[in-house]
Amino acid sequence: MADKFDFLYPRSRYYGQVKPENLVFNANLQEFTQRVNYICNLETGGKLSPEEAYSQIKELWKQLKRTKKQLSIGQHPFQGDAGENEEG
């Protein structure tokens, strides 16, 4: 059963900055791309209307944006973490 899951939902290795929030967001991003791919294929095959495909992708995008905001991805509340805040 695990092989079937790995085949249907492959995951790529993460090479970015290893922080818990980055890993979680990366997993969500990979899931987003998989779902968008399936929706596109269903629309291309005539199983979904273009409007329904757009609606589903738009909802997935909103979910991804919420996740990004909740994880504070791209925000730098403490810019001094890597010595960026030093005067000189």
PDB file of N, CA and C in Angstrom:
ATOM      1  N   MET A   1       0.824  -1.197   0.000  1.00  0.00           N
ATOM      2  CA  MET A   1       0.000   0.000   0.000  1.00  0.00           C
ATOM      3  C   MET A   1       0.868   1.262   0.000  1.00  0.00           C
ATOM      4  N   ALA A   2       1.999   1.210   0.701  1.00  0.00           N
ATOM      5  CA  ALA A   2       2.890   2.369   0.743  1.00  0.00           C
ATOM      6  C   ALA A   2       3.449   2.673  -0.640  1.00  0.00           C
ATOM      7  N   ASP A   3       3.730   1.635  -1.421  1.00  0.00           N
ATOM      8  CA  ASP A   3       4.250   1.847  -2.770  1.00  0.00           C
ATOM      9  C   ASP A   3       3.236   2.580  -3.638  1.00  0.00           C
ATOM     10  N   LYS A   4       1.965   2.220  -3.500  1.00  0.00           N
ATOM     11  CA  LYS A   4       0.903   2.888  -4.254  1.00  0.00           C
ATOM     12  C   LYS A   4       0.832   4.365  -3.857  1.00  0.00           C
ATOM     13  N   PHE A   5       0.904   4.637  -2.558  1.00  0.00           N
ATOM     14  CA  PHE A   5       0.864   6.013  -2.069  1.00  0.00           C
ATOM     15  C   PHE A   5       2.066   6.798  -2.590  1.00  0.00           C
ATOM     16  N   ASP A   6       3.249   6.199  -2.530  1.00  0.00           N
ATOM     17  CA  ASP A   6       4.460   6.866  -3.021  1.00  0.00           C
ATOM     18  C   ASP A   6       4.378   7.134  -4.519  1.00  0.00           C
ATOM     19  N   PHE A   7       3.743   6.230  -5.249  1.00  0.00           N
ATOM     20  CA  PHE A   7       3.597   6.415  -6.693  1.00  0.00           C
ATOM     21  C   PHE A   7       2.629   7.555  -6.998  1.00  0.00           C
ATOM     22  N   LEU A   8       1.500   7.576  -6.295  1.00  0.00           N
ATOM     23  CA  LEU A   8       0.485   8.596  -6.553  1.00  0.00           C
ATOM     24  C   LEU A   8       0.862   9.965  -6.001  1.00  0.00           C
ATOM     25  N   TYR A   9       1.597   9.979  -4.905  1.00  0.00           N
ATOM     26  CA  TYR A   9       1.960  11.231  -4.250  1.00  0.00           C
ATOM     27  C   TYR A   9       3.463  11.282  -3.986  1.00  0.00           C
ATOM     28  N   PRO A  10       4.261  11.363  -5.036  1.00  0.00           N
ATOM     29  CA  PRO A  10       5.713  11.380  -4.814  1.00  0.00           C
ATOM     30  C   PRO A  10       6.150  12.659  -4.115  1.00  0.00           C
ATOM     31  N   ARG A  11       7.194  12.555  -3.343  1.00  0.00           N
ATOM     32  CA  ARG A  11       7.769  13.708  -2.641  1.00  0.00           C
ATOM     33  C   ARG A  11       9.218  13.845  -3.074  1.00  0.00           C
ATOM     34  N   SER A  12       9.604  15.075  -3.309  1.00  0.00           N
ATOM     35  CA  SER A  12      10.989  15.355  -3.649  1.00  0.00           C
ATOM     36  C   SER A  12      11.737  15.748  -2.389  1.00  0.00           C
ATOM     37  N   ARG A  13      13.025  15.540  -2.392  1.00  0.00           N
ATOM     38  CA  ARG A  13      13.857  15.898  -1.252  1.00  0.00           C
ATOM     39  C   ARG A  13      13.939  17.417  -1.136  1.00  0.00           C
ATOM     40  N   TYR A  14      13.989  17.903   0.089  1.00  0.00           N
ATOM     41  CA  TYR A  14      14.053  19.338   0.357  1.00  0.00           C
ATOM     42  C   TYR A  14      15.500  19.755   0.550  1.00  0.00           C
ATOM     43  N   TYR A  15      15.934  20.779  -0.190  1.00  0.00           N
ATOM     44  CA  TYR A  15      17.316  21.249  -0.116  1.00  0.00           C
ATOM     45  C   TYR A  15      17.435  22.661   0.445  1.00  0.00           C
ATOM     46  N   GLY A  16      16.331  23.253   0.851  1.00  0.00           N
ATOM     47  CA  GLY A  16      16.357  24.619   1.364  1.00  0.00           C
ATOM     48  C   GLY A  16      16.832  24.685   2.798  1.00  0.00           C
ATOM     49  N   GLN A  17      16.654  25.865   3.399  1.00  0.00           N
ATOM     50  CA  GLN A  17      17.041  26.076   4.792  1.00  0.00           C
ATOM     51  C   GLN A  17      16.154  25.203   5.679  1.00  0.00           C
ATOM     52  N   VAL A  18      16.780  24.337   6.465  1.00  0.00           N
ATOM     53  CA  VAL A  18      16.033  23.362   7.261  1.00  0.00           C
ATOM     54  C   VAL A  18      15.531  23.999   8.550  1.00  0.00           C
ATOM     55  N   LYS A  19      14.259  24.356   8.514  1.00  0.00           N
ATOM     56  CA  LYS A  19      13.539  24.861   9.675  1.00  0.00           C
ATOM     57  C   LYS A  19      12.186  24.172   9.636  1.00  0.00           C
ATOM     58  N   PRO A  20      11.593  23.889  10.783  1.00  0.00           N
ATOM     59  CA  PRO A  20      10.312  23.174  10.787  1.00  0.00           C
ATOM     60  C   PRO A  20       9.253  23.810   9.888  1.00  0.00           C
ATOM     61  N   GLU A  21       9.127  25.133   9.950  1.00  0.00           N
ATOM     62  CA  GLU A  21       8.098  25.789   9.146  1.00  0.00           C
ATOM     63  C   GLU A  21       8.378  25.665   7.649  1.00  0.00           C
ATOM     64  N   ASN A  22       9.648  25.679   7.253  1.00  0.00           N
ATOM     65  CA  ASN A  22       9.987  25.515   5.846  1.00  0.00           C
ATOM     66  C   ASN A  22       9.670  24.106   5.367  1.00  0.00           C
ATOM     67  N   LEU A  23       9.938  23.113   6.204  1.00  0.00           N
ATOM     68  CA  LEU A  23       9.643  21.730   5.835  1.00  0.00           C
ATOM     69  C   LEU A  23       8.142  21.500   5.689  1.00  0.00           C
ATOM     70  N   VAL A  24       7.372  22.063   6.608  1.00  0.00           N
ATOM     71  CA  VAL A  24       5.915  21.923   6.537  1.00  0.00           C
ATOM     72  C   VAL A  24       5.387  22.611   5.287  1.00  0.00           C
ATOM     73  N   PHE A  25       5.861  23.829   5.028  1.00  0.00           N
ATOM     74  CA  PHE A  25       5.393  24.549   3.843  1.00  0.00           C
ATOM     75  C   PHE A  25       5.792  23.816   2.572  1.00  0.00           C
ATOM     76  N   ASN A  26       7.007  23.269   2.530  1.00  0.00           N
ATOM     77  CA  ASN A  26       7.437  22.527   1.355  1.00  0.00           C
ATOM     78  C   ASN A  26       6.538  21.318   1.102  1.00  0.00           C
ATOM     79  N   ALA A  27       6.177  20.606   2.150  1.00  0.00           N
ATOM     80  CA  ALA A  27       5.266  19.462   2.000  1.00  0.00           C
ATOM     81  C   ALA A  27       3.912  19.928   1.464  1.00  0.00           C
ATOM     82  N   ASN A  28       3.415  21.053   1.988  1.00  0.00           N
ATOM     83  CA  ASN A  28       2.141  21.600   1.503  1.00  0.00           C
ATOM     84  C   ASN A  28       2.249  22.055   0.059  1.00  0.00           C
ATOM     85  N   LEU A  29       3.370  22.641  -0.297  1.00  0.00           N
ATOM     86  CA  LEU A  29       3.584  23.095  -1.668  1.00  0.00           C
ATOM     87  C   LEU A  29       3.622  21.916  -2.639  1.00  0.00           C
ATOM     88  N   GLN A  30       4.280  20.842  -2.245  1.00  0.00           N
ATOM     89  CA  GLN A  30       4.321  19.661  -3.107  1.00  0.00           C
ATOM     90  C   GLN A  30       2.936  19.042  -3.265  1.00  0.00           C
ATOM     91  N   GLU A  31       2.162  19.027  -2.180  1.00  0.00           N
ATOM     92  CA  GLU A  31       0.793  18.516  -2.274  1.00  0.00           C
ATOM     93  C   GLU A  31      -0.045  19.403  -3.190  1.00  0.00           C
ATOM     94  N   PHE A  32       0.131  20.706  -3.085  1.00  0.00           N
ATOM     95  CA  PHE A  32      -0.574  21.652  -3.954  1.00  0.00           C
ATOM     96  C   PHE A  32      -0.270  21.358  -5.424  1.00  0.00           C
ATOM     97  N   THR A  33       1.008  21.182  -5.744  1.00  0.00           N
ATOM     98  CA  THR A  33       1.365  20.944  -7.149  1.00  0.00           C
ATOM     99  C   THR A  33       0.803  19.621  -7.653  1.00  0.00           C
ATOM    100  N   GLN A  34       0.796  18.597  -6.812  1.00  0.00           N
ATOM    101  CA  GLN A  34       0.215  17.315  -7.207  1.00  0.00           C
ATOM    102  C   GLN A  34      -1.277  17.461  -7.511  1.00  0.00           C
ATOM    103  N   ARG A  35      -1.977  18.144  -6.635  1.00  0.00           N
ATOM    104  CA  ARG A  35      -3.420  18.310  -6.825  1.00  0.00           C
ATOM    105  C   ARG A  35      -3.729  19.143  -8.063  1.00  0.00           C
ATOM    106  N   VAL A  36      -2.956  20.213  -8.273  1.00  0.00           N
ATOM    107  CA  VAL A  36      -3.156  21.032  -9.471  1.00  0.00           C
ATOM    108  C   VAL A  36      -2.910  20.191 -10.716  1.00  0.00           C
ATOM    109  N   ASN A  37      -1.897  19.349 -10.683  1.00  0.00           N
ATOM    110  CA  ASN A  37      -1.605  18.472 -11.813  1.00  0.00           C
ATOM    111  C   ASN A  37      -2.781  17.543 -12.109  1.00  0.00           C
ATOM    112  N   TYR A  38      -3.356  16.933 -11.066  1.00  0.00           N
ATOM    113  CA  TYR A  38      -4.510  16.056 -11.261  1.00  0.00           C
ATOM    114  C   TYR A  38      -5.704  16.825 -11.821  1.00  0.00           C
ATOM    115  N   ILE A  39      -5.958  18.010 -11.283  1.00  0.00           N
ATOM    116  CA  ILE A  39      -7.078  18.824 -11.760  1.00  0.00           C
ATOM    117  C   ILE A  39      -6.877  19.183 -13.233  1.00  0.00           C
ATOM    118  N   CYS A  40      -5.663  19.573 -13.596  1.00  0.00           N
ATOM    119  CA  CYS A  40      -5.373  19.912 -14.991  1.00  0.00           C
ATOM    120  C   CYS A  40      -5.591  18.712 -15.909  1.00  0.00           C
ATOM    121  N   ASN A  41      -5.161  17.550 -15.457  1.00  0.00           N
ATOM    122  CA  ASN A  41      -5.347  16.347 -16.267  1.00  0.00           C
ATOM    123  C   ASN A  41      -6.825  15.992 -16.408  1.00  0.00           C
ATOM    124  N   LEU A  42      -7.603  16.147 -15.333  1.00  0.00           N
ATOM    125  CA  LEU A  42      -9.037  15.880 -15.418  1.00  0.00           C
ATOM    126  C   LEU A  42      -9.725  16.869 -16.361  1.00  0.00           C
ATOM    127  N   GLU A  43      -9.305  18.112 -16.320  1.00  0.00           N
ATOM    128  CA  GLU A  43      -9.889  19.114 -17.221  1.00  0.00           C
ATOM    129  C   GLU A  43      -9.501  18.818 -18.665  1.00  0.00           C
ATOM    130  N   THR A  44      -8.247  18.480 -18.880  1.00  0.00           N
ATOM    131  CA  THR A  44      -7.781  18.158 -20.232  1.00  0.00           C
ATOM    132  C   THR A  44      -8.524  16.944 -20.786  1.00  0.00           C
ATOM    133  N   GLY A  45      -8.800  15.979 -19.917  1.00  0.00           N
ATOM    134  CA  GLY A  45      -9.509  14.772 -20.338  1.00  0.00           C
ATOM    135  C   GLY A  45     -11.019  14.936 -20.420  1.00  0.00           C
ATOM    136  N   GLY A  46     -11.525  16.117 -20.144  1.00  0.00           N
ATOM    137  CA  GLY A  46     -12.957  16.369 -20.253  1.00  0.00           C
ATOM    138  C   GLY A  46     -13.766  15.918 -19.051  1.00  0.00           C
ATOM    139  N   LYS A  47     -13.115  15.558 -17.974  1.00  0.00           N
ATOM    140  CA  LYS A  47     -13.830  15.098 -16.774  1.00  0.00           C
ATOM    141  C   LYS A  47     -14.243  16.255 -15.876  1.00  0.00           C
ATOM    142  N   LEU A  48     -13.607  17.405 -16.039  1.00  0.00           N
ATOM    143  CA  LEU A  48     -13.955  18.618 -15.309  1.00  0.00           C
ATOM    144  C   LEU A  48     -14.121  19.755 -16.308  1.00  0.00           C
ATOM    145  N   SER A  49     -15.053  20.638 -16.023  1.00  0.00           N
ATOM    146  CA  SER A  49     -15.183  21.831 -16.869  1.00  0.00           C
ATOM    147  C   SER A  49     -14.044  22.791 -16.528  1.00  0.00           C
ATOM    148  N   PRO A  50     -13.707  23.677 -17.453  1.00  0.00           N
ATOM    149  CA  PRO A  50     -12.674  24.677 -17.145  1.00  0.00           C
ATOM    150  C   PRO A  50     -13.030  25.520 -15.916  1.00  0.00           C
ATOM    151  N   GLU A  51     -14.304  25.841 -15.761  1.00  0.00           N
ATOM    152  CA  GLU A  51     -14.739  26.646 -14.624  1.00  0.00           C
ATOM    153  C   GLU A  51     -14.536  25.890 -13.310  1.00  0.00           C
ATOM    154  N   GLU A  52     -14.887  24.598 -13.299  1.00  0.00           N
ATOM    155  CA  GLU A  52     -14.721  23.791 -12.097  1.00  0.00           C
ATOM    156  C   GLU A  52     -13.239  23.615 -11.775  1.00  0.00           C
ATOM    157  N   ALA A  53     -12.416  23.392 -12.798  1.00  0.00           N
ATOM    158  CA  ALA A  53     -10.976  23.257 -12.584  1.00  0.00           C
ATOM    159  C   ALA A  53     -10.412  24.545 -11.985  1.00  0.00           C
ATOM    160  N   TYR A  54     -10.801  25.681 -12.555  1.00  0.00           N
ATOM    161  CA  TYR A  54     -10.344  26.966 -12.046  1.00  0.00           C
ATOM    162  C   TYR A  54     -10.770  27.151 -10.592  1.00  0.00           C
ATOM    163  N   SER A  55     -12.014  26.845 -10.306  1.00  0.00           N
ATOM    164  CA  SER A  55     -12.539  27.002  -8.949  1.00  0.00           C
ATOM    165  C   SER A  55     -11.761  26.141  -7.955  1.00  0.00           C
ATOM    166  N   GLN A  56     -11.489  24.893  -8.307  1.00  0.00           N
ATOM    167  CA  GLN A  56     -10.753  24.003  -7.412  1.00  0.00           C
ATOM    168  C   GLN A  56      -9.319  24.485  -7.193  1.00  0.00           C
ATOM    169  N   ILE A  57      -8.675  24.929  -8.268  1.00  0.00           N
ATOM    170  CA  ILE A  57      -7.294  25.412  -8.150  1.00  0.00           C
ATOM    171  C   ILE A  57      -7.260  26.694  -7.316  1.00  0.00           C
ATOM    172  N   LYS A  58      -8.238  27.558  -7.516  1.00  0.00           N
ATOM    173  CA  LYS A  58      -8.309  28.802  -6.742  1.00  0.00           C
ATOM    174  C   LYS A  58      -8.445  28.492  -5.251  1.00  0.00           C
ATOM    175  N   GLU A  59      -9.266  27.508  -4.901  1.00  0.00           N
ATOM    176  CA  GLU A  59      -9.445  27.126  -3.496  1.00  0.00           C
ATOM    177  C   GLU A  59      -8.148  26.543  -2.931  1.00  0.00           C
ATOM    178  N   LEU A  60      -7.464  25.710  -3.710  1.00  0.00           N
ATOM    179  CA  LEU A  60      -6.179  25.165  -3.264  1.00  0.00           C
ATOM    180  C   LEU A  60      -5.166  26.280  -3.036  1.00  0.00           C
ATOM    181  N   TRP A  61      -5.171  27.280  -3.916  1.00  0.00           N
ATOM    182  CA  TRP A  61      -4.252  28.417  -3.780  1.00  0.00           C
ATOM    183  C   TRP A  61      -4.530  29.186  -2.486  1.00  0.00           C
ATOM    184  N   LYS A  62      -5.814  29.392  -2.182  1.00  0.00           N
ATOM    185  CA  LYS A  62      -6.172  30.088  -0.945  1.00  0.00           C
ATOM    186  C   LYS A  62      -5.671  29.312   0.272  1.00  0.00           C
ATOM    187  N   GLN A  63      -5.819  27.986   0.236  1.00  0.00           N
ATOM    188  CA  GLN A  63      -5.337  27.155   1.334  1.00  0.00           C
ATOM    189  C   GLN A  63      -3.822  27.286   1.488  1.00  0.00           C
ATOM    190  N   LEU A  64      -3.106  27.279   0.370  1.00  0.00           N
ATOM    191  CA  LEU A  64      -1.648  27.403   0.415  1.00  0.00           C
ATOM    192  C   LEU A  64      -1.236  28.767   0.968  1.00  0.00           C
ATOM    193  N   LYS A  65      -1.935  29.829   0.564  1.00  0.00           N
ATOM    194  CA  LYS A  65      -1.639  31.165   1.086  1.00  0.00           C
ATOM    195  C   LYS A  65      -1.882  31.242   2.589  1.00  0.00           C
ATOM    196  N   ARG A  66      -2.974  30.615   3.061  1.00  0.00           N
ATOM    197  CA  ARG A  66      -3.242  30.594   4.507  1.00  0.00           C
ATOM    198  C   ARG A  66      -2.122  29.886   5.253  1.00  0.00           C
ATOM    199  N   THR A  67      -1.679  28.763   4.706  1.00  0.00           N
ATOM    200  CA  THR A  67      -0.591  28.011   5.336  1.00  0.00           C
ATOM    201  C   THR A  67       0.670  28.859   5.404  1.00  0.00           C
ATOM    202  N   LYS A  68       0.985  29.545   4.309  1.00  0.00           N
ATOM    203  CA  LYS A  68       2.178  30.409   4.269  1.00  0.00           C
ATOM    204  C   LYS A  68       2.086  31.485   5.345  1.00  0.00           C
ATOM    205  N   LYS A  69       0.932  32.083   5.476  1.00  0.00           N
ATOM    206  CA  LYS A  69       0.747  33.135   6.471  1.00  0.00           C
ATOM    207  C   LYS A  69       0.847  32.572   7.889  1.00  0.00           C
ATOM    208  N   GLN A  70       0.219  31.422   8.139  1.00  0.00           N
ATOM    209  CA  GLN A  70       0.247  30.817   9.468  1.00  0.00           C
ATOM    210  C   GLN A  70       1.657  30.414   9.877  1.00  0.00           C
ATOM    211  N   LEU A  71       2.464  29.986   8.908  1.00  0.00           N
ATOM    212  CA  LEU A  71       3.834  29.566   9.204  1.00  0.00           C
ATOM    213  C   LEU A  71       4.819  30.729   9.183  1.00  0.00           C
ATOM    214  N   SER A  72       4.349  31.928   8.847  1.00  0.00           N
ATOM    215  CA  SER A  72       5.184  33.133   8.759  1.00  0.00           C
ATOM    216  C   SER A  72       6.330  32.962   7.756  1.00  0.00           C
ATOM    217  N   ILE A  73       6.047  32.294   6.645  1.00  0.00           N
ATOM    218  CA  ILE A  73       7.050  32.125   5.598  1.00  0.00           C
ATOM    219  C   ILE A  73       7.212  33.462   4.878  1.00  0.00           C
ATOM    220  N   GLY A  74       8.454  33.903   4.713  1.00  0.00           N
ATOM    221  CA  GLY A  74       8.730  35.150   4.019  1.00  0.00           C
ATOM    222  C   GLY A  74       8.690  36.378   4.902  1.00  0.00           C
ATOM    223  N   GLN A  75       8.352  36.204   6.158  1.00  0.00           N
ATOM    224  CA  GLN A  75       8.346  37.326   7.100  1.00  0.00           C
ATOM    225  C   GLN A  75       9.587  37.219   7.962  1.00  0.00           C
ATOM    226  N   HIS A  76      10.162  38.335   8.318  1.00  0.00           N
ATOM    227  CA  HIS A  76      11.403  38.339   9.107  1.00  0.00           C
ATOM    228  C   HIS A  76      11.229  39.178  10.371  1.00  0.00           C
ATOM    229  N   PRO A  77      10.508  38.662  11.372  1.00  0.00           N
ATOM    230  CA  PRO A  77      10.291  39.466  12.572  1.00  0.00           C
ATOM    231  C   PRO A  77      11.571  39.714  13.370  1.00  0.00           C
ATOM    232  N   PHE A  78      12.555  38.819  13.261  1.00  0.00           N
ATOM    233  CA  PHE A  78      13.821  38.981  13.979  1.00  0.00           C
ATOM    234  C   PHE A  78      14.951  38.944  12.964  1.00  0.00           C
ATOM    235  N   GLN A  79      15.198  40.030  12.313  1.00  0.00           N
ATOM    236  CA  GLN A  79      16.185  40.053  11.245  1.00  0.00           C
ATOM    237  C   GLN A  79      17.602  39.877  11.746  1.00  0.00           C
ATOM    238  N   GLY A  80      17.849  39.967  13.016  1.00  0.00           N
ATOM    239  CA  GLY A  80      19.187  39.806  13.561  1.00  0.00           C
ATOM    240  C   GLY A  80      19.631  38.355  13.670  1.00  0.00           C
ATOM    241  N   ASP A  81      18.796  37.396  13.296  1.00  0.00           N
ATOM    242  CA  ASP A  81      19.122  35.976  13.428  1.00  0.00           C
ATOM    243  C   ASP A  81      20.451  35.611  12.772  1.00  0.00           C
ATOM    244  N   ALA A  82      20.721  36.143  11.591  1.00  0.00           N
ATOM    245  CA  ALA A  82      21.932  35.779  10.851  1.00  0.00           C
ATOM    246  C   ALA A  82      22.915  36.952  10.792  1.00  0.00           C
ATOM    247  N   GLY A  83      22.813  37.851  11.750  1.00  0.00           N
ATOM    248  CA  GLY A  83      23.728  38.994  11.782  1.00  0.00           C
ATOM    249  C   GLY A  83      23.352  40.074  10.795  1.00  0.00           C
ATOM    250  N   GLU A  84      22.131  40.021  10.269  1.00  0.00           N
ATOM    251  CA  GLU A  84      21.694  41.002   9.285  1.00  0.00           C
ATOM    252  C   GLU A  84      21.420  42.354   9.906  1.00  0.00           C
ATOM    253  N   ASN A  85      21.228  42.409  11.211  1.00  0.00           N
ATOM    254  CA  ASN A  85      20.816  43.630  11.874  1.00  0.00           C
ATOM    255  C   ASN A  85      22.002  44.393  12.467  1.00  0.00           C
ATOM    256  N   GLU A  86      23.208  43.944  12.202  1.00  0.00           N
ATOM    257  CA  GLU A  86      24.399  44.590  12.768  1.00  0.00           C
ATOM    258  C   GLU A  86      24.654  45.912  12.092  1.00  0.00           C
ATOM    259  N   GLU A  87      25.076  46.876  12.883  1.00  0.00           N
ATOM    260  CA  GLU A  87      25.430  48.177  12.332  1.00  0.00           C
ATOM    261  C   GLU A  87      26.907  48.195  11.985  1.00  0.00           C
ATOM    262  N   GLY A  88      27.219  48.934  10.963  1.00  0.00           N
ATOM    263  CA  GLY A  88      28.646  48.958  10.689  1.00  0.00           C
ATOM    264  C   GLY A  88      28.951  49.568   9.455  1.00  0.00           C
TER     265      GLY A  88
END
